[in-house]
Amino acid sequence: MAIAEDPFIHSEAYQNSKLYRKAVRAISEAIKNESLLSEEYLNAFIQSNPKFFHVYKSVGDYYASKDMPVKAIATYRKAFDCEFPRLIDKTDIEERIKALEE
């Protein structure tokens, strides 16, 4: 007996979720290893899930780690267009912006 392939694996949503998971790891590694990622890669990551605050937090963290505070703040602020699952997530981003503005 065989189970049929799920058509979801060919969907854009599935491809975006794969990109999202891969990019989260790549951004963390780039921050830790002080390596660079292209703007195209970061934009593709954002487009993989543009309504999720965490993409903006991750990219903002990347820019902050690269000493690009203006880009970091602008990216963090885009997170406020998204819904936050917990108040602490919103507060965390507000604190990151405040620290960069000082």
C-alpha atoms as a PDB file:
ATOM      1  CA  MET A   1       0.000   0.000   0.000  1.00  0.00           C
ATOM      2  CA  ALA A   2       1.351   3.464  -0.889  1.00  0.00           C
ATOM      3  CA  ILE A   3       0.501   6.885   0.417  1.00  0.00           C
ATOM      4  CA  ALA A   4       0.041   9.491  -2.284  1.00  0.00           C
ATOM      5  CA  GLU A   5       2.383  12.460  -2.361  1.00  0.00           C
ATOM      6  CA  ASP A   6       0.955  15.516  -0.686  1.00  0.00           C
ATOM      7  CA  PRO A   7       0.524  18.310  -3.261  1.00  0.00           C
ATOM      8  CA  PHE A   8       1.515  20.811  -0.574  1.00  0.00           C
ATOM      9  CA  ILE A   9       5.196  20.011  -1.146  1.00  0.00           C
ATOM     10  CA  HIS A  10       4.898  21.656  -4.560  1.00  0.00           C
ATOM     11  CA  SER A  11       3.132  24.756  -3.257  1.00  0.00           C
ATOM     12  CA  GLU A  12       4.562  28.244  -2.918  1.00  0.00           C
ATOM     13  CA  ALA A  13       3.715  28.175   0.787  1.00  0.00           C
ATOM     14  CA  TYR A  14       5.886  25.111   1.322  1.00  0.00           C
ATOM     15  CA  GLN A  15       8.769  26.612  -0.666  1.00  0.00           C
ATOM     16  CA  ASN A  16       8.495  29.791   1.417  1.00  0.00           C
ATOM     17  CA  SER A  17       8.547  27.792   4.644  1.00  0.00           C
ATOM     18  CA  LYS A  18      11.716  25.996   3.515  1.00  0.00           C
ATOM     19  CA  LEU A  19      13.347  29.309   2.633  1.00  0.00           C
ATOM     20  CA  TYR A  20      12.269  30.773   5.981  1.00  0.00           C
ATOM     21  CA  ARG A  21      13.797  27.924   8.013  1.00  0.00           C
ATOM     22  CA  LYS A  22      17.027  27.982   6.009  1.00  0.00           C
ATOM     23  CA  ALA A  23      17.343  31.781   6.215  1.00  0.00           C
ATOM     24  CA  VAL A  24      16.806  31.904   9.988  1.00  0.00           C
ATOM     25  CA  ARG A  25      19.805  29.609  10.380  1.00  0.00           C
ATOM     26  CA  ALA A  26      21.869  31.523   7.808  1.00  0.00           C
ATOM     27  CA  ILE A  27      21.201  34.854   9.510  1.00  0.00           C
ATOM     28  CA  SER A  28      22.109  33.447  12.921  1.00  0.00           C
ATOM     29  CA  GLU A  29      25.333  32.041  11.482  1.00  0.00           C
ATOM     30  CA  ALA A  30      26.144  35.327   9.705  1.00  0.00           C
ATOM     31  CA  ILE A  31      25.741  37.199  12.980  1.00  0.00           C
ATOM     32  CA  LYS A  32      27.837  34.686  14.908  1.00  0.00           C
ATOM     33  CA  ASN A  33      30.561  34.307  12.255  1.00  0.00           C
ATOM     34  CA  GLU A  34      30.563  37.951  11.171  1.00  0.00           C
ATOM     35  CA  SER A  35      29.887  36.949   7.566  1.00  0.00           C
ATOM     36  CA  LEU A  36      27.818  38.925   5.087  1.00  0.00           C
ATOM     37  CA  LEU A  37      24.530  38.144   3.380  1.00  0.00           C
ATOM     38  CA  SER A  38      23.268  39.854   0.251  1.00  0.00           C
ATOM     39  CA  GLU A  39      20.385  42.315   0.297  1.00  0.00           C
ATOM     40  CA  GLU A  40      18.628  40.049  -2.202  1.00  0.00           C
ATOM     41  CA  TYR A  41      18.845  37.139   0.223  1.00  0.00           C
ATOM     42  CA  LEU A  42      17.535  39.229   3.117  1.00  0.00           C
ATOM     43  CA  ASN A  43      14.682  40.557   0.971  1.00  0.00           C
ATOM     44  CA  ALA A  44      13.789  37.035  -0.176  1.00  0.00           C
ATOM     45  CA  PHE A  45      13.700  36.012   3.482  1.00  0.00           C
ATOM     46  CA  ILE A  46      11.320  38.852   4.308  1.00  0.00           C
ATOM     47  CA  GLN A  47       9.128  37.968   1.329  1.00  0.00           C
ATOM     48  CA  SER A  48       8.961  34.349   2.498  1.00  0.00           C
ATOM     49  CA  ASN A  49       6.718  35.472   5.372  1.00  0.00           C
ATOM     50  CA  PRO A  50       6.136  39.254   5.262  1.00  0.00           C
ATOM     51  CA  LYS A  51       3.351  39.249   7.834  1.00  0.00           C
ATOM     52  CA  PHE A  52       5.435  37.560  10.532  1.00  0.00           C
ATOM     53  CA  PHE A  53       7.206  39.927  12.932  1.00  0.00           C
ATOM     54  CA  HIS A  54      10.112  37.526  13.396  1.00  0.00           C
ATOM     55  CA  VAL A  55      11.475  38.067   9.877  1.00  0.00           C
ATOM     56  CA  TYR A  56      11.895  41.771  10.623  1.00  0.00           C
ATOM     57  CA  LYS A  57      13.422  41.034  14.025  1.00  0.00           C
ATOM     58  CA  SER A  58      15.940  38.642  12.460  1.00  0.00           C
ATOM     59  CA  VAL A  59      16.935  41.009   9.670  1.00  0.00           C
ATOM     60  CA  GLY A  60      17.056  43.906  12.129  1.00  0.00           C
ATOM     61  CA  ASP A  61      19.361  41.855  14.358  1.00  0.00           C
ATOM     62  CA  TYR A  62      21.549  41.139  11.330  1.00  0.00           C
ATOM     63  CA  TYR A  63      21.834  44.841  10.466  1.00  0.00           C
ATOM     64  CA  ALA A  64      22.498  45.739  14.105  1.00  0.00           C
ATOM     65  CA  SER A  65      25.309  43.173  14.235  1.00  0.00           C
ATOM     66  CA  LYS A  66      26.853  44.715  11.121  1.00  0.00           C
ATOM     67  CA  ASP A  67      26.839  48.182  12.702  1.00  0.00           C
ATOM     68  CA  MET A  68      24.063  49.446  10.443  1.00  0.00           C
ATOM     69  CA  PRO A  69      21.760  51.055  13.026  1.00  0.00           C
ATOM     70  CA  VAL A  70      19.637  53.068  10.589  1.00  0.00           C
ATOM     71  CA  LYS A  71      18.779  49.952   8.572  1.00  0.00           C
ATOM     72  CA  ALA A  72      18.261  47.942  11.750  1.00  0.00           C
ATOM     73  CA  ILE A  73      15.812  50.473  13.205  1.00  0.00           C
ATOM     74  CA  ALA A  74      13.894  50.784   9.917  1.00  0.00           C
ATOM     75  CA  THR A  75      13.605  47.010   9.694  1.00  0.00           C
ATOM     76  CA  TYR A  76      12.576  46.603  13.325  1.00  0.00           C
ATOM     77  CA  ARG A  77       9.871  49.236  12.817  1.00  0.00           C
ATOM     78  CA  LYS A  78       8.365  47.213   9.975  1.00  0.00           C
ATOM     79  CA  ALA A  79       7.617  44.523  12.554  1.00  0.00           C
ATOM     80  CA  PHE A  80       5.013  46.823  14.090  1.00  0.00           C
ATOM     81  CA  ASP A  81       2.867  46.317  10.973  1.00  0.00           C
ATOM     82  CA  CYS A  82       2.578  42.667  12.000  1.00  0.00           C
ATOM     83  CA  GLU A  83       0.636  40.973  14.733  1.00  0.00           C
ATOM     84  CA  PHE A  84       2.643  40.012  17.799  1.00  0.00           C
ATOM     85  CA  PRO A  85       1.700  36.736  19.480  1.00  0.00           C
ATOM     86  CA  ARG A  86       2.961  37.971  22.844  1.00  0.00           C
ATOM     87  CA  LEU A  87       3.476  41.401  24.341  1.00  0.00           C
ATOM     88  CA  ILE A  88       7.053  40.468  25.277  1.00  0.00           C
ATOM     89  CA  ASP A  89       7.900  40.105  21.564  1.00  0.00           C
ATOM     90  CA  LYS A  90       6.761  43.651  20.864  1.00  0.00           C
ATOM     91  CA  THR A  91       8.544  44.978  23.952  1.00  0.00           C
ATOM     92  CA  ASP A  92      11.752  43.244  22.889  1.00  0.00           C
ATOM     93  CA  ILE A  93      11.758  45.021  19.539  1.00  0.00           C
ATOM     94  CA  GLU A  94      10.947  48.355  21.175  1.00  0.00           C
ATOM     95  CA  GLU A  95      13.940  47.879  23.486  1.00  0.00           C
ATOM     96  CA  ARG A  96      16.219  47.002  20.571  1.00  0.00           C
ATOM     97  CA  ILE A  97      15.190  50.190  18.766  1.00  0.00           C
ATOM     98  CA  LYS A  98      15.711  52.266  21.897  1.00  0.00           C
ATOM     99  CA  ALA A  99      19.196  50.819  22.420  1.00  0.00           C
ATOM    100  CA  LEU A 100      20.177  51.641  18.846  1.00  0.00           C
ATOM    101  CA  GLU A 101      18.842  55.192  19.096  1.00  0.00           C
ATOM    102  CA  GLU A 102      20.955  55.972  22.174  1.00  0.00           C
END
